[in-house]
Amino acid sequence: MAVDIPALMKMTQAQLDDLFKQSPAGPIPNGQAEGTAIIAPGTQLEETAAKFIHFFAWQGKVFDAAKGELRNRILPMGVKAIVAKVYKDKSWFDGQECIALDYSETSLLAHYIRDEIRMVGDGVYLGIVFWGKKKLIDFALKFPK
């Protein structure tokens, strides 16, 4: 089932969880992706919260598949910072294959963070943010075609 960002933002948490479980890891992406934080899934607050976070805090990620790493685009000016290692691994969420975005060895600020992503549409990945092994929020990445 191919899904776009507006559809993801309307889903409930249970629907997002089910979609993540049903989706393949897909290929490790390469290039710049626009990011959307999903912190209030399925509520009227979601769109406003996502816009606020996108403008002031996090705009997305820039992947270098050949190096197996990424940099987050943060702050209003889109500074490329907060590096993560990128590799395929078993998901902490359901034990199936995912693409892990691991900050444990690359960032003092995000040392306890691990993201997991899976492909849910054409150039669209659904992600989960973990703090330690506790699931925090979801996010989406959209790569240009």
N, C-alpha and C. Protein backbone atom coordinates (compact mmCIF):
# COMPACT_ATOMS: atom_id res chain seq x y z
N MET A 1 0.84 -1.18 0.00
CA MET A 1 0.00 0.00 0.00
C MET A 1 0.89 1.24 0.00
N ALA A 2 0.83 2.06 -1.05
CA ALA A 2 1.62 3.28 -1.15
C ALA A 2 0.91 4.41 -0.42
N VAL A 3 1.65 5.14 0.39
CA VAL A 3 1.09 6.19 1.23
C VAL A 3 1.91 7.47 1.03
N ASP A 4 1.24 8.63 1.09
CA ASP A 4 1.95 9.90 1.02
C ASP A 4 1.93 10.59 2.39
N ILE A 5 2.63 11.72 2.50
CA ILE A 5 2.76 12.40 3.79
C ILE A 5 1.40 12.88 4.33
N PRO A 6 0.55 13.53 3.53
CA PRO A 6 -0.74 13.95 4.08
C PRO A 6 -1.56 12.78 4.65
N ALA A 7 -1.50 11.63 4.01
CA ALA A 7 -2.23 10.46 4.52
C ALA A 7 -1.64 10.00 5.85
N LEU A 8 -0.31 10.01 5.96
CA LEU A 8 0.33 9.61 7.22
C LEU A 8 -0.09 10.51 8.37
N MET A 9 -0.19 11.80 8.10
CA MET A 9 -0.53 12.76 9.16
C MET A 9 -1.96 12.62 9.66
N LYS A 10 -2.82 11.97 8.88
CA LYS A 10 -4.21 11.76 9.29
C LYS A 10 -4.42 10.44 10.02
N MET A 11 -3.41 9.56 9.99
CA MET A 11 -3.55 8.24 10.61
C MET A 11 -3.47 8.32 12.13
N THR A 12 -4.13 7.38 12.78
CA THR A 12 -4.01 7.24 14.23
C THR A 12 -2.68 6.54 14.54
N GLN A 13 -2.33 6.52 15.80
CA GLN A 13 -1.10 5.83 16.19
C GLN A 13 -1.18 4.34 15.85
N ALA A 14 -2.32 3.74 16.08
CA ALA A 14 -2.48 2.31 15.77
C ALA A 14 -2.31 2.06 14.27
N GLN A 15 -2.85 2.95 13.43
CA GLN A 15 -2.69 2.80 11.98
C GLN A 15 -1.24 2.97 11.55
N LEU A 16 -0.54 3.94 12.14
CA LEU A 16 0.88 4.12 11.83
C LEU A 16 1.68 2.89 12.23
N ASP A 17 1.40 2.36 13.41
CA ASP A 17 2.11 1.17 13.88
C ASP A 17 1.86 -0.01 12.94
N ASP A 18 0.61 -0.20 12.52
CA ASP A 18 0.28 -1.30 11.60
C ASP A 18 0.97 -1.11 10.25
N LEU A 19 0.98 0.11 9.74
CA LEU A 19 1.64 0.39 8.47
C LEU A 19 3.13 0.09 8.56
N PHE A 20 3.77 0.50 9.64
CA PHE A 20 5.20 0.23 9.82
C PHE A 20 5.45 -1.27 9.84
N LYS A 21 4.62 -2.01 10.56
CA LYS A 21 4.78 -3.47 10.65
C LYS A 21 4.61 -4.16 9.30
N GLN A 22 3.73 -3.63 8.46
CA GLN A 22 3.42 -4.26 7.18
C GLN A 22 4.35 -3.84 6.04
N SER A 23 5.21 -2.86 6.28
CA SER A 23 6.03 -2.29 5.20
C SER A 23 7.42 -2.90 5.14
N PRO A 24 7.99 -2.98 3.94
CA PRO A 24 9.36 -3.48 3.79
C PRO A 24 10.36 -2.40 4.18
N ALA A 25 11.56 -2.82 4.52
CA ALA A 25 12.61 -1.84 4.81
C ALA A 25 12.87 -0.96 3.60
N GLY A 26 12.88 -1.57 2.42
CA GLY A 26 13.21 -0.82 1.22
C GLY A 26 14.71 -0.60 1.15
N PRO A 27 15.16 0.07 0.09
CA PRO A 27 16.60 0.33 -0.04
C PRO A 27 17.04 1.46 0.89
N ILE A 28 18.30 1.42 1.29
CA ILE A 28 18.85 2.55 2.05
C ILE A 28 18.82 3.76 1.13
N PRO A 29 18.15 4.83 1.56
CA PRO A 29 18.01 5.98 0.66
C PRO A 29 19.31 6.77 0.51
N ASN A 30 19.33 7.61 -0.51
CA ASN A 30 20.47 8.48 -0.78
C ASN A 30 19.93 9.86 -1.15
N GLY A 31 20.57 10.90 -0.62
CA GLY A 31 20.17 12.26 -0.94
C GLY A 31 19.38 12.92 0.16
N GLN A 32 18.82 14.07 -0.18
CA GLN A 32 18.12 14.90 0.80
C GLN A 32 16.64 14.59 0.83
N ALA A 33 16.10 14.44 2.03
CA ALA A 33 14.68 14.18 2.23
C ALA A 33 14.08 15.27 3.10
N GLU A 34 12.86 15.67 2.74
CA GLU A 34 12.09 16.57 3.59
C GLU A 34 11.50 15.75 4.73
N GLY A 35 11.57 16.29 5.94
CA GLY A 35 11.07 15.57 7.10
C GLY A 35 9.78 16.16 7.64
N THR A 36 8.95 15.30 8.18
CA THR A 36 7.72 15.70 8.85
C THR A 36 7.62 14.95 10.16
N ALA A 37 7.60 15.68 11.27
CA ALA A 37 7.42 15.06 12.57
C ALA A 37 5.94 14.71 12.74
N ILE A 38 5.68 13.54 13.29
CA ILE A 38 4.31 13.10 13.56
C ILE A 38 4.21 12.86 15.06
N ILE A 39 3.79 13.92 15.78
CA ILE A 39 3.80 13.82 17.24
C ILE A 39 2.40 13.73 17.85
N ALA A 40 1.38 14.07 17.07
CA ALA A 40 0.00 13.98 17.54
C ALA A 40 -0.84 13.28 16.48
N PRO A 41 -0.52 12.01 16.18
CA PRO A 41 -1.16 11.32 15.06
C PRO A 41 -2.68 11.29 15.14
N GLY A 42 -3.29 11.61 13.99
CA GLY A 42 -4.73 11.51 13.88
C GLY A 42 -5.50 12.61 14.58
N THR A 43 -4.82 13.67 15.06
CA THR A 43 -5.52 14.75 15.76
C THR A 43 -5.43 16.04 14.95
N GLN A 44 -6.25 17.02 15.33
CA GLN A 44 -6.22 18.32 14.66
C GLN A 44 -4.93 19.07 14.97
N LEU A 45 -4.25 18.74 16.03
CA LEU A 45 -3.00 19.38 16.42
C LEU A 45 -1.84 18.98 15.51
N GLU A 46 -1.95 17.83 14.84
CA GLU A 46 -0.82 17.28 14.08
C GLU A 46 -0.26 18.24 13.04
N GLU A 47 -1.08 18.81 12.21
CA GLU A 47 -0.57 19.66 11.13
C GLU A 47 0.16 20.89 11.68
N THR A 48 -0.40 21.53 12.69
CA THR A 48 0.22 22.71 13.29
C THR A 48 1.55 22.34 13.95
N ALA A 49 1.55 21.25 14.69
CA ALA A 49 2.79 20.81 15.36
C ALA A 49 3.87 20.47 14.34
N ALA A 50 3.51 19.77 13.27
CA ALA A 50 4.48 19.39 12.24
C ALA A 50 5.07 20.62 11.57
N LYS A 51 4.25 21.61 11.26
CA LYS A 51 4.75 22.85 10.64
C LYS A 51 5.70 23.59 11.58
N PHE A 52 5.34 23.69 12.85
CA PHE A 52 6.17 24.37 13.84
C PHE A 52 7.54 23.70 13.95
N ILE A 53 7.53 22.39 14.11
CA ILE A 53 8.79 21.64 14.24
C ILE A 53 9.62 21.78 12.97
N HIS A 54 8.98 21.69 11.80
CA HIS A 54 9.71 21.79 10.53
C HIS A 54 10.39 23.15 10.40
N PHE A 55 9.72 24.20 10.79
CA PHE A 55 10.30 25.53 10.64
C PHE A 55 11.41 25.79 11.66
N PHE A 56 11.16 25.47 12.93
CA PHE A 56 12.07 25.88 13.99
C PHE A 56 13.12 24.84 14.40
N ALA A 57 12.89 23.58 14.15
CA ALA A 57 13.78 22.57 14.72
C ALA A 57 14.38 21.59 13.71
N TRP A 58 13.57 20.93 12.93
CA TRP A 58 14.06 19.82 12.10
C TRP A 58 13.39 19.82 10.75
N GLN A 59 14.19 19.94 9.69
CA GLN A 59 13.64 19.98 8.33
C GLN A 59 13.75 18.65 7.59
N GLY A 60 14.62 17.78 8.04
CA GLY A 60 14.76 16.50 7.35
C GLY A 60 16.15 15.90 7.54
N LYS A 61 16.52 15.03 6.62
CA LYS A 61 17.80 14.31 6.71
C LYS A 61 18.46 14.27 5.34
N VAL A 62 19.79 14.23 5.35
CA VAL A 62 20.56 14.08 4.12
C VAL A 62 21.36 12.79 4.25
N PHE A 63 21.04 11.81 3.40
CA PHE A 63 21.66 10.50 3.45
C PHE A 63 22.83 10.41 2.47
N ASP A 64 23.89 9.74 2.90
CA ASP A 64 24.99 9.35 2.02
C ASP A 64 25.06 7.82 2.11
N ALA A 65 24.37 7.17 1.18
CA ALA A 65 24.26 5.71 1.21
C ALA A 65 25.62 5.04 1.07
N ALA A 66 26.52 5.62 0.26
CA ALA A 66 27.85 5.03 0.06
C ALA A 66 28.65 5.01 1.35
N LYS A 67 28.52 6.04 2.17
CA LYS A 67 29.24 6.12 3.45
C LYS A 67 28.47 5.44 4.58
N GLY A 68 27.19 5.17 4.36
CA GLY A 68 26.38 4.59 5.43
C GLY A 68 26.15 5.56 6.56
N GLU A 69 25.88 6.84 6.20
CA GLU A 69 25.62 7.83 7.25
C GLU A 69 24.63 8.88 6.76
N LEU A 70 24.18 9.69 7.70
CA LEU A 70 23.29 10.80 7.38
C LEU A 70 23.60 11.97 8.29
N ARG A 71 23.10 13.12 7.89
CA ARG A 71 23.13 14.33 8.71
C ARG A 71 21.71 14.89 8.73
N ASN A 72 21.29 15.33 9.90
CA ASN A 72 19.99 15.96 10.04
C ASN A 72 20.09 17.43 9.63
N ARG A 73 19.01 17.94 9.03
CA ARG A 73 18.91 19.37 8.73
C ARG A 73 18.09 19.99 9.86
N ILE A 74 18.75 20.86 10.64
CA ILE A 74 18.11 21.40 11.84
C ILE A 74 18.15 22.93 11.84
N LEU A 75 17.38 23.50 12.73
CA LEU A 75 17.26 24.94 12.94
C LEU A 75 16.64 25.62 11.71
N PRO A 76 16.19 26.85 11.85
CA PRO A 76 15.54 27.50 10.71
C PRO A 76 16.40 27.60 9.45
N MET A 77 17.72 27.63 9.60
CA MET A 77 18.56 27.74 8.40
C MET A 77 19.00 26.40 7.82
N GLY A 78 18.51 25.29 8.34
CA GLY A 78 18.78 23.98 7.76
C GLY A 78 20.22 23.52 7.89
N VAL A 79 20.85 23.80 9.02
CA VAL A 79 22.23 23.38 9.28
C VAL A 79 22.29 21.85 9.24
N LYS A 80 23.30 21.32 8.53
CA LYS A 80 23.47 19.87 8.46
C LYS A 80 24.34 19.43 9.63
N ALA A 81 23.72 18.79 10.60
CA ALA A 81 24.41 18.40 11.84
C ALA A 81 23.76 17.13 12.39
N ILE A 82 24.29 16.64 13.47
CA ILE A 82 23.82 15.44 14.17
C ILE A 82 23.87 14.24 13.22
N VAL A 83 25.03 13.63 13.20
CA VAL A 83 25.35 12.52 12.30
C VAL A 83 24.85 11.20 12.88
N ALA A 84 24.42 10.31 12.00
CA ALA A 84 24.03 8.95 12.40
C ALA A 84 24.62 7.95 11.42
N LYS A 85 24.88 6.75 11.92
CA LYS A 85 25.24 5.63 11.04
C LYS A 85 23.94 5.05 10.49
N VAL A 86 23.98 4.58 9.24
CA VAL A 86 22.79 4.04 8.58
C VAL A 86 23.09 2.63 8.11
N TYR A 87 22.24 1.68 8.52
CA TYR A 87 22.44 0.28 8.13
C TYR A 87 21.14 -0.48 8.32
N LYS A 88 21.04 -1.64 7.70
CA LYS A 88 19.87 -2.50 7.89
C LYS A 88 20.08 -3.32 9.16
N ASP A 89 18.99 -3.52 9.90
CA ASP A 89 19.05 -4.21 11.18
C ASP A 89 17.66 -4.74 11.52
N LYS A 90 17.58 -5.52 12.58
CA LYS A 90 16.27 -5.94 13.10
C LYS A 90 15.66 -4.77 13.86
N SER A 91 14.37 -4.56 13.64
CA SER A 91 13.66 -3.48 14.30
C SER A 91 13.48 -3.74 15.79
N TRP A 92 13.64 -2.71 16.59
CA TRP A 92 13.33 -2.81 18.01
C TRP A 92 11.82 -2.86 18.20
N PHE A 93 11.07 -2.39 17.21
CA PHE A 93 9.62 -2.32 17.31
C PHE A 93 8.96 -3.67 17.09
N ASP A 94 9.41 -4.41 16.04
CA ASP A 94 8.74 -5.68 15.73
C ASP A 94 9.68 -6.81 15.33
N GLY A 95 10.98 -6.60 15.39
CA GLY A 95 11.94 -7.67 15.10
C GLY A 95 12.18 -7.94 13.62
N GLN A 96 11.46 -7.26 12.73
CA GLN A 96 11.64 -7.45 11.29
C GLN A 96 12.70 -6.47 10.77
N GLU A 97 13.12 -6.67 9.52
CA GLU A 97 14.16 -5.82 8.94
C GLU A 97 13.69 -4.37 8.80
N CYS A 98 14.59 -3.46 9.15
CA CYS A 98 14.34 -2.03 8.99
C CYS A 98 15.67 -1.37 8.61
N ILE A 99 15.62 -0.10 8.35
CA ILE A 99 16.83 0.69 8.18
C ILE A 99 17.03 1.44 9.47
N ALA A 100 18.14 1.17 10.16
CA ALA A 100 18.44 1.80 11.44
C ALA A 100 19.24 3.07 11.20
N LEU A 101 18.89 4.12 11.93
CA LEU A 101 19.61 5.38 11.93
C LEU A 101 20.14 5.53 13.35
N ASP A 102 21.40 5.19 13.54
CA ASP A 102 21.99 4.96 14.85
C ASP A 102 22.92 6.11 15.23
N TYR A 103 22.58 6.82 16.30
CA TYR A 103 23.36 7.96 16.76
C TYR A 103 24.30 7.61 17.91
N SER A 104 24.31 6.37 18.36
CA SER A 104 25.02 5.99 19.59
C SER A 104 26.52 6.21 19.54
N GLU A 105 27.12 6.12 18.36
CA GLU A 105 28.58 6.28 18.25
C GLU A 105 28.97 7.58 17.55
N THR A 106 28.01 8.38 17.14
CA THR A 106 28.33 9.55 16.32
C THR A 106 27.90 10.88 16.92
N SER A 107 27.14 10.86 18.01
CA SER A 107 26.60 12.11 18.54
C SER A 107 26.53 12.10 20.06
N LEU A 108 27.11 13.13 20.66
CA LEU A 108 26.96 13.29 22.11
C LEU A 108 25.54 13.74 22.44
N LEU A 109 25.01 14.63 21.62
CA LEU A 109 23.68 15.18 21.84
C LEU A 109 22.59 14.11 21.70
N ALA A 110 22.70 13.25 20.70
CA ALA A 110 21.67 12.26 20.40
C ALA A 110 22.14 10.84 20.69
N HIS A 111 23.07 10.68 21.59
CA HIS A 111 23.69 9.38 21.89
C HIS A 111 22.67 8.27 22.16
N TYR A 112 21.56 8.60 22.80
CA TYR A 112 20.58 7.58 23.18
C TYR A 112 19.46 7.41 22.16
N ILE A 113 19.60 8.07 21.01
CA ILE A 113 18.55 8.03 19.98
C ILE A 113 18.87 6.98 18.92
N ARG A 114 17.84 6.28 18.52
CA ARG A 114 17.89 5.40 17.34
C ARG A 114 16.58 5.60 16.60
N ASP A 115 16.68 5.86 15.31
CA ASP A 115 15.51 5.92 14.46
C ASP A 115 15.46 4.65 13.63
N GLU A 116 14.27 4.26 13.25
CA GLU A 116 14.07 3.15 12.31
C GLU A 116 13.14 3.63 11.22
N ILE A 117 13.45 3.30 9.97
CA ILE A 117 12.58 3.69 8.87
C ILE A 117 12.26 2.48 7.99
N ARG A 118 11.10 2.59 7.35
CA ARG A 118 10.67 1.62 6.33
C ARG A 118 9.97 2.37 5.21
N MET A 119 10.09 1.84 4.00
CA MET A 119 9.48 2.46 2.84
C MET A 119 7.98 2.18 2.81
N VAL A 120 7.17 3.25 2.70
CA VAL A 120 5.72 3.10 2.67
C VAL A 120 5.10 3.66 1.38
N GLY A 121 5.92 4.24 0.53
CA GLY A 121 5.42 4.80 -0.73
C GLY A 121 6.58 5.15 -1.63
N ASP A 122 6.29 5.73 -2.77
CA ASP A 122 7.31 6.12 -3.74
C ASP A 122 8.15 7.26 -3.16
N GLY A 123 9.34 6.94 -2.69
CA GLY A 123 10.21 7.94 -2.07
C GLY A 123 9.77 8.38 -0.69
N VAL A 124 8.83 7.65 -0.07
CA VAL A 124 8.31 8.00 1.26
C VAL A 124 8.66 6.91 2.26
N TYR A 125 9.27 7.34 3.37
CA TYR A 125 9.63 6.43 4.45
C TYR A 125 8.92 6.87 5.72
N LEU A 126 8.41 5.89 6.46
CA LEU A 126 7.83 6.13 7.78
C LEU A 126 8.89 5.76 8.80
N GLY A 127 9.06 6.61 9.81
CA GLY A 127 10.09 6.36 10.81
C GLY A 127 9.56 6.40 12.23
N ILE A 128 10.32 5.76 13.09
CA ILE A 128 10.06 5.74 14.53
C ILE A 128 11.32 6.25 15.22
N VAL A 129 11.14 7.09 16.22
CA VAL A 129 12.25 7.57 17.05
C VAL A 129 12.20 6.84 18.38
N PHE A 130 13.34 6.26 18.76
CA PHE A 130 13.48 5.61 20.07
C PHE A 130 14.47 6.39 20.92
N TRP A 131 14.17 6.51 22.20
CA TRP A 131 15.11 7.01 23.21
C TRP A 131 15.43 5.80 24.06
N GLY A 132 16.68 5.33 23.98
CA GLY A 132 16.98 4.02 24.56
C GLY A 132 16.16 3.03 23.76
N LYS A 133 15.34 2.24 24.39
CA LYS A 133 14.45 1.34 23.64
C LYS A 133 12.99 1.75 23.77
N LYS A 134 12.77 2.98 24.25
CA LYS A 134 11.40 3.49 24.41
C LYS A 134 11.01 4.27 23.16
N LYS A 135 9.87 3.90 22.58
CA LYS A 135 9.35 4.57 21.39
C LYS A 135 8.84 5.95 21.78
N LEU A 136 9.33 6.99 21.06
CA LEU A 136 8.92 8.35 21.37
C LEU A 136 7.87 8.88 20.40
N ILE A 137 8.26 9.10 19.16
CA ILE A 137 7.38 9.69 18.16
C ILE A 137 7.62 9.02 16.81
N ASP A 138 6.78 9.38 15.86
CA ASP A 138 6.95 8.94 14.47
C ASP A 138 7.38 10.13 13.63
N PHE A 139 7.88 9.84 12.43
CA PHE A 139 8.20 10.89 11.48
C PHE A 139 8.13 10.31 10.08
N ALA A 140 8.12 11.19 9.10
CA ALA A 140 8.10 10.75 7.71
C ALA A 140 9.20 11.47 6.95
N LEU A 141 9.73 10.81 5.94
CA LEU A 141 10.72 11.39 5.05
C LEU A 141 10.22 11.27 3.62
N LYS A 142 10.37 12.33 2.85
CA LYS A 142 9.97 12.34 1.45
C LYS A 142 11.18 12.73 0.60
N PHE A 143 11.59 11.80 -0.26
CA PHE A 143 12.70 12.02 -1.19
C PHE A 143 12.14 12.47 -2.52
N PRO A 144 12.81 13.41 -3.19
CA PRO A 144 12.33 13.83 -4.52
C PRO A 144 12.44 12.69 -5.51
N LYS A 145 11.59 12.73 -6.52
CA LYS A 145 11.60 11.67 -7.54
C LYS A 145 12.69 11.91 -8.56
